[in-house]
Amino acid sequence: MTKNNESRTDEYHVASFVAYPIFEKLTEVKKAITTVDGTEIHATSAEGKIVFTIEGHSYKDIGNKMDTIRNHKCIINLSPVYHQILDESTDSDSN
Protein backbone atom coordinates (compact mmCIF):
# COMPACT_ATOMS: atom_id res chain seq x y z
CA MET A 1 0.00 0.00 0.00
CA THR A 2 2.85 2.44 0.74
CA LYS A 3 4.20 1.88 -2.73
CA ASN A 4 1.04 3.33 -4.29
CA ASN A 5 1.28 6.47 -2.15
CA GLU A 6 4.92 7.04 -3.10
CA SER A 7 4.23 6.74 -6.83
CA ARG A 8 1.37 9.23 -6.65
CA THR A 9 2.15 12.16 -8.94
CA ASP A 10 -0.99 14.30 -8.63
CA GLU A 11 -0.09 15.77 -5.22
CA TYR A 12 1.90 18.94 -4.73
CA HIS A 13 3.25 19.71 -1.25
CA VAL A 14 4.75 22.93 -0.01
CA ALA A 15 6.02 23.39 3.53
CA SER A 16 7.64 26.37 5.20
CA PHE A 17 10.27 26.37 7.93
CA VAL A 18 12.41 28.62 10.08
CA ALA A 19 16.01 27.50 10.51
CA TYR A 20 18.13 28.72 13.42
CA PRO A 21 21.78 28.31 12.39
CA ILE A 22 24.99 29.07 14.21
CA PHE A 23 25.25 32.74 13.23
CA GLU A 24 28.91 32.51 12.17
CA LYS A 25 27.93 29.71 9.74
CA LEU A 26 24.95 31.54 8.20
CA THR A 27 26.35 31.58 4.66
CA GLU A 28 27.24 27.88 4.82
CA VAL A 29 23.77 26.94 6.07
CA LYS A 30 22.02 29.04 3.42
CA LYS A 31 24.05 27.29 0.73
CA ALA A 32 23.20 23.89 2.21
CA ILE A 33 19.48 24.72 2.17
CA THR A 34 19.48 25.89 -1.44
CA THR A 35 21.36 22.83 -2.66
CA VAL A 36 18.39 20.64 -1.66
CA ASP A 37 16.08 20.26 -4.66
CA GLY A 38 12.80 22.16 -4.30
CA THR A 39 13.94 24.65 -1.65
CA GLU A 40 13.80 28.43 -1.74
CA ILE A 41 14.93 30.93 0.88
CA HIS A 42 12.49 33.81 1.30
CA ALA A 43 14.00 35.85 4.13
CA THR A 44 16.91 36.02 6.56
CA SER A 45 16.65 38.11 9.72
CA ALA A 46 19.42 40.24 11.18
CA GLU A 47 19.75 37.60 13.93
CA GLY A 48 20.31 34.90 11.30
CA LYS A 49 16.92 33.14 11.24
CA ILE A 50 16.24 31.73 7.79
CA VAL A 51 12.69 31.43 6.42
CA PHE A 52 12.41 28.97 3.53
CA THR A 53 10.06 26.62 1.74
CA ILE A 54 10.38 23.07 0.47
CA GLU A 55 8.31 21.80 -2.45
CA GLY A 56 7.73 18.12 -3.09
CA HIS A 57 5.36 15.44 -4.37
CA SER A 58 4.58 13.62 -1.10
CA TYR A 59 4.87 13.73 2.68
CA LYS A 60 7.86 11.44 2.41
CA ASP A 61 9.57 13.68 -0.13
CA ILE A 62 9.12 16.75 2.10
CA GLY A 63 10.28 14.74 5.14
CA ASN A 64 13.42 13.47 3.44
CA LYS A 65 14.40 16.96 2.30
CA MET A 66 13.64 18.38 5.75
CA ASP A 67 15.81 15.71 7.40
CA THR A 68 18.69 16.48 5.04
CA ILE A 69 18.59 20.13 6.10
CA ARG A 70 17.88 19.46 9.79
CA ASN A 71 20.92 17.18 10.07
CA HIS A 72 23.34 19.88 8.94
CA LYS A 73 25.96 20.30 11.66
CA CYS A 74 25.50 24.09 11.85
CA ILE A 75 21.72 24.15 12.35
CA ILE A 76 20.70 24.54 15.97
CA ASN A 77 16.97 24.10 15.35
CA LEU A 78 14.54 23.71 12.46
CA SER A 79 10.91 24.64 13.09
CA PRO A 80 8.06 23.76 10.72
CA VAL A 81 5.59 26.61 10.16
CA TYR A 82 3.12 25.50 7.49
CA HIS A 83 2.37 22.55 5.19
CA GLN A 84 -0.12 22.62 2.33
CA ILE A 85 -1.15 19.80 0.02
CA LEU A 86 -2.77 20.44 -3.32
CA ASP A 87 -4.37 17.74 -5.44
CA GLU A 88 -3.31 18.73 -8.93
CA SER A 89 -5.69 16.28 -10.58
CA THR A 90 -8.69 18.35 -9.44
CA ASP A 91 -6.98 21.69 -10.18
CA SER A 92 -6.46 20.78 -13.84
CA ASP A 93 -10.16 19.85 -14.23
CA SER A 94 -11.27 23.35 -13.22
CA ASN A 95 -9.15 25.14 -15.87
PDB file of N, CA and C in Angstrom:
ATOM      1  N   MET A   1       0.814  -1.184   0.000  1.00  0.00           N
ATOM      2  CA  MET A   1       0.000   0.000   0.000  1.00  0.00           C
ATOM      3  C   MET A   1       0.864   1.257   0.000  1.00  0.00           C
ATOM      4  N   THR A   2       1.959   1.281   0.712  1.00  0.00           N
ATOM      5  CA  THR A   2       2.847   2.439   0.743  1.00  0.00           C
ATOM      6  C   THR A   2       3.392   2.733  -0.648  1.00  0.00           C
ATOM      7  N   LYS A   3       3.655   1.700  -1.404  1.00  0.00           N
ATOM      8  CA  LYS A   3       4.201   1.878  -2.734  1.00  0.00           C
ATOM      9  C   LYS A   3       3.289   2.737  -3.599  1.00  0.00           C
ATOM     10  N   ASN A   4       1.979   2.531  -3.503  1.00  0.00           N
ATOM     11  CA  ASN A   4       1.035   3.332  -4.287  1.00  0.00           C
ATOM     12  C   ASN A   4       1.092   4.796  -3.892  1.00  0.00           C
ATOM     13  N   ASN A   5       1.209   5.087  -2.604  1.00  0.00           N
ATOM     14  CA  ASN A   5       1.280   6.472  -2.152  1.00  0.00           C
ATOM     15  C   ASN A   5       2.544   7.161  -2.640  1.00  0.00           C
ATOM     16  N   GLU A   6       3.658   6.451  -2.677  1.00  0.00           N
ATOM     17  CA  GLU A   6       4.924   7.042  -3.102  1.00  0.00           C
ATOM     18  C   GLU A   6       4.935   7.331  -4.594  1.00  0.00           C
ATOM     19  N   SER A   7       4.213   6.538  -5.395  1.00  0.00           N
ATOM     20  CA  SER A   7       4.230   6.738  -6.829  1.00  0.00           C
ATOM     21  C   SER A   7       3.188   7.762  -7.276  1.00  0.00           C
ATOM     22  N   ARG A   8       2.401   8.256  -6.354  1.00  0.00           N
ATOM     23  CA  ARG A   8       1.365   9.233  -6.654  1.00  0.00           C
ATOM     24  C   ARG A   8       2.006  10.511  -7.186  1.00  0.00           C
ATOM     25  N   THR A   9       1.544  10.975  -8.333  1.00  0.00           N
ATOM     26  CA  THR A   9       2.153  12.157  -8.937  1.00  0.00           C
ATOM     27  C   THR A   9       1.203  13.345  -9.006  1.00  0.00           C
ATOM     28  N   ASP A  10      -0.030  13.202  -8.521  1.00  0.00           N
ATOM     29  CA  ASP A  10      -0.986  14.296  -8.627  1.00  0.00           C
ATOM     30  C   ASP A  10      -1.059  15.149  -7.360  1.00  0.00           C
ATOM     31  N   GLU A  11      -0.159  14.925  -6.412  1.00  0.00           N
ATOM     32  CA  GLU A  11      -0.091  15.772  -5.222  1.00  0.00           C
ATOM     33  C   GLU A  11       1.073  16.741  -5.338  1.00  0.00           C
ATOM     34  N   TYR A  12       0.848  17.924  -4.808  1.00  0.00           N
ATOM     35  CA  TYR A  12       1.896  18.942  -4.728  1.00  0.00           C
ATOM     36  C   TYR A  12       1.927  19.413  -3.282  1.00  0.00           C
ATOM     37  N   HIS A  13       3.082  19.303  -2.649  1.00  0.00           N
ATOM     38  CA  HIS A  13       3.249  19.706  -1.252  1.00  0.00           C
ATOM     39  C   HIS A  13       4.177  20.903  -1.190  1.00  0.00           C
ATOM     40  N   VAL A  14       3.846  21.826  -0.311  1.00  0.00           N
ATOM     41  CA  VAL A  14       4.753  22.926  -0.007  1.00  0.00           C
ATOM     42  C   VAL A  14       4.721  23.128   1.503  1.00  0.00           C
ATOM     43  N   ALA A  15       5.898  23.224   2.078  1.00  0.00           N
ATOM     44  CA  ALA A  15       6.020  23.394   3.532  1.00  0.00           C
ATOM     45  C   ALA A  15       7.009  24.520   3.797  1.00  0.00           C
ATOM     46  N   SER A  16       6.717  25.287   4.838  1.00  0.00           N
ATOM     47  CA  SER A  16       7.637  26.367   5.197  1.00  0.00           C
ATOM     48  C   SER A  16       8.270  26.084   6.554  1.00  0.00           C
ATOM     49  N   PHE A  17       9.460  26.628   6.740  1.00  0.00           N
ATOM     50  CA  PHE A  17      10.267  26.366   7.926  1.00  0.00           C
ATOM     51  C   PHE A  17      11.032  27.613   8.330  1.00  0.00           C
ATOM     52  N   VAL A  18      11.457  27.626   9.589  1.00  0.00           N
ATOM     53  CA  VAL A  18      12.415  28.620  10.075  1.00  0.00           C
ATOM     54  C   VAL A  18      13.608  27.832  10.602  1.00  0.00           C
ATOM     55  N   ALA A  19      14.775  28.141  10.067  1.00  0.00           N
ATOM     56  CA  ALA A  19      16.013  27.497  10.513  1.00  0.00           C
ATOM     57  C   ALA A  19      16.767  28.476  11.420  1.00  0.00           C
ATOM     58  N   TYR A  20      17.329  27.947  12.479  1.00  0.00           N
ATOM     59  CA  TYR A  20      18.132  28.721  13.425  1.00  0.00           C
ATOM     60  C   TYR A  20      19.564  28.191  13.360  1.00  0.00           C
ATOM     61  N   PRO A  21      20.408  28.794  12.531  1.00  0.00           N
ATOM     62  CA  PRO A  21      21.781  28.310  12.394  1.00  0.00           C
ATOM     63  C   PRO A  21      22.730  28.953  13.403  1.00  0.00           C
ATOM     64  N   ILE A  22      23.902  28.390  13.511  1.00  0.00           N
ATOM     65  CA  ILE A  22      24.986  29.065  14.213  1.00  0.00           C
ATOM     66  C   ILE A  22      25.287  30.310  13.376  1.00  0.00           C
ATOM     67  N   PHE A  23      25.190  31.489  13.987  1.00  0.00           N
ATOM     68  CA  PHE A  23      25.254  32.738  13.231  1.00  0.00           C
ATOM     69  C   PHE A  23      26.517  32.840  12.372  1.00  0.00           C
ATOM     70  N   GLU A  24      27.643  32.418  12.913  1.00  0.00           N
ATOM     71  CA  GLU A  24      28.907  32.507  12.170  1.00  0.00           C
ATOM     72  C   GLU A  24      28.920  31.588  10.940  1.00  0.00           C
ATOM     73  N   LYS A  25      28.005  30.663  10.867  1.00  0.00           N
ATOM     74  CA  LYS A  25      27.929  29.713   9.745  1.00  0.00           C
ATOM     75  C   LYS A  25      26.713  29.987   8.850  1.00  0.00           C
ATOM     76  N   LEU A  26      26.160  31.189   8.941  1.00  0.00           N
ATOM     77  CA  LEU A  26      24.949  31.540   8.203  1.00  0.00           C
ATOM     78  C   LEU A  26      25.082  31.295   6.695  1.00  0.00           C
ATOM     79  N   THR A  27      26.149  31.753   6.100  1.00  0.00           N
ATOM     80  CA  THR A  27      26.352  31.583   4.659  1.00  0.00           C
ATOM     81  C   THR A  27      26.418  30.107   4.284  1.00  0.00           C
ATOM     82  N   GLU A  28      27.123  29.323   5.075  1.00  0.00           N
ATOM     83  CA  GLU A  28      27.244  27.880   4.824  1.00  0.00           C
ATOM     84  C   GLU A  28      25.880  27.196   4.909  1.00  0.00           C
ATOM     85  N   VAL A  29      25.085  27.553   5.895  1.00  0.00           N
ATOM     86  CA  VAL A  29      23.767  26.939   6.074  1.00  0.00           C
ATOM     87  C   VAL A  29      22.832  27.339   4.931  1.00  0.00           C
ATOM     88  N   LYS A  30      22.857  28.603   4.532  1.00  0.00           N
ATOM     89  CA  LYS A  30      22.018  29.044   3.417  1.00  0.00           C
ATOM     90  C   LYS A  30      22.361  28.272   2.139  1.00  0.00           C
ATOM     91  N   LYS A  31      23.631  28.058   1.912  1.00  0.00           N
ATOM     92  CA  LYS A  31      24.048  27.292   0.728  1.00  0.00           C
ATOM     93  C   LYS A  31      23.568  25.850   0.833  1.00  0.00           C
ATOM     94  N   ALA A  32      23.654  25.268   2.016  1.00  0.00           N
ATOM     95  CA  ALA A  32      23.197  23.886   2.214  1.00  0.00           C
ATOM     96  C   ALA A  32      21.694  23.763   1.970  1.00  0.00           C
ATOM     97  N   ILE A  33      20.933  24.750   2.391  1.00  0.00           N
ATOM     98  CA  ILE A  33      19.483  24.723   2.171  1.00  0.00           C
ATOM     99  C   ILE A  33      19.178  24.785   0.681  1.00  0.00           C
ATOM    100  N   THR A  34      19.808  25.708  -0.019  1.00  0.00           N
ATOM    101  CA  THR A  34      19.481  25.892  -1.437  1.00  0.00           C
ATOM    102  C   THR A  34      19.997  24.780  -2.338  1.00  0.00           C
ATOM    103  N   THR A  35      20.904  23.950  -1.842  1.00  0.00           N
ATOM    104  CA  THR A  35      21.358  22.826  -2.660  1.00  0.00           C
ATOM    105  C   THR A  35      20.373  21.661  -2.638  1.00  0.00           C
ATOM    106  N   VAL A  36      19.425  21.686  -1.714  1.00  0.00           N
ATOM    107  CA  VAL A  36      18.385  20.644  -1.662  1.00  0.00           C
ATOM    108  C   VAL A  36      17.328  20.990  -2.707  1.00  0.00           C
ATOM    109  N   ASP A  37      17.034  20.053  -3.583  1.00  0.00           N
ATOM    110  CA  ASP A  37      16.076  20.265  -4.663  1.00  0.00           C
ATOM    111  C   ASP A  37      14.711  20.682  -4.122  1.00  0.00           C
ATOM    112  N   GLY A  38      14.131  21.725  -4.698  1.00  0.00           N
ATOM    113  CA  GLY A  38      12.802  22.164  -4.304  1.00  0.00           C
ATOM    114  C   GLY A  38      12.766  23.155  -3.157  1.00  0.00           C
ATOM    115  N   THR A  39      13.920  23.688  -2.763  1.00  0.00           N
ATOM    116  CA  THR A  39      13.942  24.648  -1.655  1.00  0.00           C
ATOM    117  C   THR A  39      14.123  26.070  -2.181  1.00  0.00           C
ATOM    118  N   GLU A  40      13.612  27.016  -1.418  1.00  0.00           N
ATOM    119  CA  GLU A  40      13.795  28.428  -1.741  1.00  0.00           C
ATOM    120  C   GLU A  40      13.815  29.226  -0.447  1.00  0.00           C
ATOM    121  N   ILE A  41      14.833  30.059  -0.290  1.00  0.00           N
ATOM    122  CA  ILE A  41      14.933  30.934   0.879  1.00  0.00           C
ATOM    123  C   ILE A  41      14.169  32.217   0.559  1.00  0.00           C
ATOM    124  N   HIS A  42      13.304  32.628   1.499  1.00  0.00           N
ATOM    125  CA  HIS A  42      12.485  33.815   1.296  1.00  0.00           C
ATOM    126  C   HIS A  42      12.936  35.004   2.127  1.00  0.00           C
ATOM    127  N   ALA A  43      13.554  34.754   3.268  1.00  0.00           N
ATOM    128  CA  ALA A  43      14.003  35.852   4.127  1.00  0.00           C
ATOM    129  C   ALA A  43      15.059  35.351   5.103  1.00  0.00           C
ATOM    130  N   THR A  44      15.919  36.275   5.512  1.00  0.00           N
ATOM    131  CA  THR A  44      16.905  36.022   6.565  1.00  0.00           C
ATOM    132  C   THR A  44      16.892  37.237   7.475  1.00  0.00           C
ATOM    133  N   SER A  45      16.703  36.993   8.769  1.00  0.00           N
ATOM    134  CA  SER A  45      16.654  38.109   9.720  1.00  0.00           C
ATOM    135  C   SER A  45      18.059  38.562  10.095  1.00  0.00           C
ATOM    136  N   ALA A  46      18.130  39.715  10.719  1.00  0.00           N
ATOM    137  CA  ALA A  46      19.421  40.244  11.183  1.00  0.00           C
ATOM    138  C   ALA A  46      20.067  39.315  12.202  1.00  0.00           C
ATOM    139  N   GLU A  47      19.238  38.556  12.940  1.00  0.00           N
ATOM    140  CA  GLU A  47      19.749  37.602  13.933  1.00  0.00           C
ATOM    141  C   GLU A  47      20.192  36.285  13.298  1.00  0.00           C
ATOM    142  N   GLY A  48      19.877  36.099  11.997  1.00  0.00           N
ATOM    143  CA  GLY A  48      20.305  34.897  11.299  1.00  0.00           C
ATOM    144  C   GLY A  48      19.231  33.850  11.085  1.00  0.00           C
ATOM    145  N   LYS A  49      18.007  34.099  11.497  1.00  0.00           N
ATOM    146  CA  LYS A  49      16.918  33.143  11.236  1.00  0.00           C
ATOM    147  C   LYS A  49      16.644  33.108   9.744  1.00  0.00           C
ATOM    148  N   ILE A  50      16.456  31.909   9.222  1.00  0.00           N
ATOM    149  CA  ILE A  50      16.242  31.725   7.792  1.00  0.00           C
ATOM    150  C   ILE A  50      14.830  31.177   7.572  1.00  0.00           C
ATOM    151  N   VAL A  51      14.030  31.881   6.777  1.00  0.00           N
ATOM    152  CA  VAL A  51      12.691  31.430   6.422  1.00  0.00           C
ATOM    153  C   VAL A  51      12.769  30.857   5.010  1.00  0.00           C
ATOM    154  N   PHE A  52      12.328  29.606   4.853  1.00  0.00           N
ATOM    155  CA  PHE A  52      12.411  28.968   3.535  1.00  0.00           C
ATOM    156  C   PHE A  52      11.271  27.993   3.333  1.00  0.00           C
ATOM    157  N   THR A  53      11.073  27.617   2.078  1.00  0.00           N
ATOM    158  CA  THR A  53      10.060  26.617   1.736  1.00  0.00           C
ATOM    159  C   THR A  53      10.714  25.425   1.062  1.00  0.00           C
ATOM    160  N   ILE A  54      10.006  24.298   1.180  1.00  0.00           N
ATOM    161  CA  ILE A  54      10.381  23.073   0.470  1.00  0.00           C
ATOM    162  C   ILE A  54       9.164  22.644  -0.327  1.00  0.00           C
ATOM    163  N   GLU A  55       9.365  22.339  -1.602  1.00  0.00           N
ATOM    164  CA  GLU A  55       8.307  21.801  -2.448  1.00  0.00           C
ATOM    165  C   GLU A  55       8.603  20.337  -2.713  1.00  0.00           C
ATOM    166  N   GLY A  56       7.545  19.536  -2.820  1.00  0.00           N
ATOM    167  CA  GLY A  56       7.727  18.120  -3.093  1.00  0.00           C
ATOM    168  C   GLY A  56       6.445  17.475  -3.592  1.00  0.00           C
ATOM    169  N   HIS A  57       6.504  16.159  -3.816  1.00  0.00           N
ATOM    170  CA  HIS A  57       5.362  15.439  -4.371  1.00  0.00           C
ATOM    171  C   HIS A  57       4.687  14.502  -3.376  1.00  0.00           C
ATOM    172  N   SER A  58       5.184  14.480  -2.119  1.00  0.00           N
ATOM    173  CA  SER A  58       4.582  13.615  -1.104  1.00  0.00           C
ATOM    174  C   SER A  58       5.075  14.031   0.284  1.00  0.00           C
ATOM    175  N   TYR A  59       4.401  13.506   1.309  1.00  0.00           N
ATOM    176  CA  TYR A  59       4.867  13.731   2.682  1.00  0.00           C
ATOM    177  C   TYR A  59       6.293  13.227   2.838  1.00  0.00           C
ATOM    178  N   LYS A  60       6.538  12.056   2.283  1.00  0.00           N
ATOM    179  CA  LYS A  60       7.860  11.442   2.413  1.00  0.00           C
ATOM    180  C   LYS A  60       8.934  12.296   1.739  1.00  0.00           C
ATOM    181  N   ASP A  61       8.629  12.837   0.581  1.00  0.00           N
ATOM    182  CA  ASP A  61       9.574  13.682  -0.134  1.00  0.00           C
ATOM    183  C   ASP A  61       9.918  14.921   0.698  1.00  0.00           C
ATOM    184  N   ILE A  62       8.891  15.586   1.236  1.00  0.00           N
ATOM    185  CA  ILE A  62       9.122  16.751   2.099  1.00  0.00           C
ATOM    186  C   ILE A  62       9.937  16.336   3.328  1.00  0.00           C
ATOM    187  N   GLY A  63       9.579  15.219   3.947  1.00  0.00           N
ATOM    188  CA  GLY A  63      10.281  14.741   5.140  1.00  0.00           C
ATOM    189  C   GLY A  63      11.743  14.430   4.887  1.00  0.00           C
ATOM    190  N   ASN A  64      12.028  13.789   3.767  1.00  0.00           N
ATOM    191  CA  ASN A  64      13.420  13.466   3.436  1.00  0.00           C
ATOM    192  C   ASN A  64      14.253  14.729   3.231  1.00  0.00           C
ATOM    193  N   LYS A  65      13.681  15.703   2.530  1.00  0.00           N
ATOM    194  CA  LYS A  65      14.399  16.962   2.296  1.00  0.00           C
ATOM    195  C   LYS A  65      14.595  17.722   3.608  1.00  0.00           C
ATOM    196  N   MET A  66      13.554  17.718   4.450  1.00  0.00           N
ATOM    197  CA  MET A  66      13.641  18.377   5.747  1.00  0.00           C
ATOM    198  C   MET A  66      14.737  17.733   6.598  1.00  0.00           C
ATOM    199  N   ASP A  67      14.791  16.411   6.615  1.00  0.00           N
ATOM    200  CA  ASP A  67      15.812  15.710   7.396  1.00  0.00           C
ATOM    201  C   ASP A  67      17.219  16.028   6.910  1.00  0.00           C
ATOM    202  N   THR A  68      17.384  16.126   5.598  1.00  0.00           N
ATOM    203  CA  THR A  68      18.695  16.480   5.043  1.00  0.00           C
ATOM    204  C   THR A  68      19.160  17.827   5.578  1.00  0.00           C
ATOM    205  N   ILE A  69      18.252  18.784   5.600  1.00  0.00           N
ATOM    206  CA  ILE A  69      18.593  20.125   6.096  1.00  0.00           C
ATOM    207  C   ILE A  69      18.769  20.110   7.609  1.00  0.00           C
ATOM    208  N   ARG A  70      17.850  19.481   8.314  1.00  0.00           N
ATOM    209  CA  ARG A  70      17.878  19.456   9.789  1.00  0.00           C
ATOM    210  C   ARG A  70      19.167  18.834  10.327  1.00  0.00           C
ATOM    211  N   ASN A  71      19.714  17.876   9.608  1.00  0.00           N
ATOM    212  CA  ASN A  71      20.917  17.176  10.068  1.00  0.00           C
ATOM    213  C   ASN A  71      22.214  17.926   9.783  1.00  0.00           C
ATOM    214  N   HIS A  72      22.125  19.096   9.186  1.00  0.00           N
ATOM    215  CA  HIS A  72      23.341  19.877   8.938  1.00  0.00           C
ATOM    216  C   HIS A  72      23.967  20.264  10.281  1.00  0.00           C
ATOM    217  N   LYS A  73      25.249  20.103  10.383  1.00  0.00           N
ATOM    218  CA  LYS A  73      25.961  20.301  11.658  1.00  0.00           C
ATOM    219  C   LYS A  73      25.870  21.721  12.214  1.00  0.00           C
ATOM    220  N   CYS A  74      25.534  22.703  11.381  1.00  0.00           N
ATOM    221  CA  CYS A  74      25.498  24.094  11.851  1.00  0.00           C
ATOM    222  C   CYS A  74      24.079  24.610  12.096  1.00  0.00           C
ATOM    223  N   ILE A  75      23.084  23.738  12.043  1.00  0.00           N
ATOM    224  CA  ILE A  75      21.718  24.154  12.347  1.00  0.00           C
ATOM    225  C   ILE A  75      21.409  23.768  13.789  1.00  0.00           C
ATOM    226  N   ILE A  76      21.041  24.772  14.568  1.00  0.00           N
ATOM    227  CA  ILE A  76      20.698  24.543  15.974  1.00  0.00           C
ATOM    228  C   ILE A  76      19.295  23.969  16.084  1.00  0.00           C
ATOM    229  N   ASN A  77      18.360  24.543  15.301  1.00  0.00           N
ATOM    230  CA  ASN A  77      16.973  24.099  15.353  1.00  0.00           C
ATOM    231  C   ASN A  77      16.305  24.373  14.009  1.00  0.00           C
ATOM    232  N   LEU A  78      15.333  23.535  13.668  1.00  0.00           N
ATOM    233  CA  LEU A  78      14.537  23.711  12.457  1.00  0.00           C
ATOM    234  C   LEU A  78      13.082  23.577  12.861  1.00  0.00           C
ATOM    235  N   SER A  79      12.305  24.637  12.678  1.00  0.00           N
ATOM    236  CA  SER A  79      10.907  24.638  13.094  1.00  0.00           C
ATOM    237  C   SER A  79       9.981  24.665  11.885  1.00  0.00           C
ATOM    238  N   PRO A  80       9.057  23.702  11.799  1.00  0.00           N
ATOM    239  CA  PRO A  80       8.056  23.763  10.725  1.00  0.00           C
ATOM    240  C   PRO A  80       7.046  24.860  11.030  1.00  0.00           C
ATOM    241  N   VAL A  81       6.559  25.526   9.989  1.00  0.00           N
ATOM    242  CA  VAL A  81       5.591  26.606  10.158  1.00  0.00           C
ATOM    243  C   VAL A  81       4.274  26.246   9.483  1.00  0.00           C
ATOM    244  N   TYR A  82       4.323  25.720   8.266  1.00  0.00           N
ATOM    245  CA  TYR A  82       3.117  25.504   7.487  1.00  0.00           C
ATOM    246  C   TYR A  82       3.354  24.379   6.486  1.00  0.00           C
ATOM    247  N   HIS A  83       2.305  23.610   6.190  1.00  0.00           N
ATOM    248  CA  HIS A  83       2.374  22.554   5.187  1.00  0.00           C
ATOM    249  C   HIS A  83       1.046  22.525   4.455  1.00  0.00           C
ATOM    250  N   GLN A  84       1.093  22.654   3.145  1.00  0.00           N
ATOM    251  CA  GLN A  84      -0.121  22.620   2.333  1.00  0.00           C
ATOM    252  C   GLN A  84       0.009  21.530   1.283  1.00  0.00           C
ATOM    253  N   ILE A  85      -1.111  20.848   1.031  1.00  0.00           N
ATOM    254  CA  ILE A  85      -1.155  19.798   0.025  1.00  0.00           C
ATOM    255  C   ILE A  85      -2.212  20.179  -0.995  1.00  0.00           C
ATOM    256  N   LEU A  86      -1.826  20.180  -2.249  1.00  0.00           N
ATOM    257  CA  LEU A  86      -2.767  20.440  -3.321  1.00  0.00           C
ATOM    258  C   LEU A  86      -2.904  19.192  -4.177  1.00  0.00           C
ATOM    259  N   ASP A  87      -4.121  18.869  -4.540  1.00  0.00           N
ATOM    260  CA  ASP A  87      -4.366  17.744  -5.441  1.00  0.00           C
ATOM    261  C   ASP A  87      -4.440  18.304  -6.844  1.00  0.00           C
ATOM    262  N   GLU A  88      -3.387  18.138  -7.600  1.00  0.00           N
ATOM    263  CA  GLU A  88      -3.306  18.731  -8.934  1.00  0.00           C
ATOM    264  C   GLU A  88      -4.269  18.094  -9.923  1.00  0.00           C
ATOM    265  N   SER A  89      -4.750  16.901  -9.642  1.00  0.00           N
ATOM    266  CA  SER A  89      -5.688  16.275 -10.578  1.00  0.00           C
ATOM    267  C   SER A  89      -7.020  17.023 -10.595  1.00  0.00           C
ATOM    268  N   THR A  90      -7.445  17.584  -9.462  1.00  0.00           N
ATOM    269  CA  THR A  90      -8.694  18.348  -9.435  1.00  0.00           C
ATOM    270  C   THR A  90      -8.470  19.777  -9.901  1.00  0.00           C
ATOM    271  N   ASP A  91      -7.271  20.325  -9.708  1.00  0.00           N
ATOM    272  CA  ASP A  91      -6.985  21.687 -10.177  1.00  0.00           C
ATOM    273  C   ASP A  91      -7.020  21.769 -11.697  1.00  0.00           C
ATOM    274  N   SER A  92      -6.510  20.752 -12.373  1.00  0.00           N
ATOM    275  CA  SER A  92      -6.464  20.783 -13.838  1.00  0.00           C
ATOM    276  C   SER A  92      -7.852  20.636 -14.443  1.00  0.00           C
ATOM    277  N   ASP A  93      -8.799  20.001 -13.731  1.00  0.00           N
ATOM    278  CA  ASP A  93     -10.159  19.855 -14.232  1.00  0.00           C
ATOM    279  C   ASP A  93     -10.908  21.176 -14.243  1.00  0.00           C
ATOM    280  N   SER A  94     -10.542  22.084 -13.335  1.00  0.00           N
ATOM    281  CA  SER A  94     -11.269  23.346 -13.223  1.00  0.00           C
ATOM    282  C   SER A  94     -10.780  24.394 -14.208  1.00  0.00           C
ATOM    283  N   ASN A  95      -9.673  24.155 -14.908  1.00  0.00           N
ATOM    284  CA  ASN A  95      -9.149  25.144 -15.868  1.00  0.00           C
ATOM    285  C   ASN A  95      -9.749  24.995 -17.219  1.00  0.00           C
TER     286      ASN A  95
END
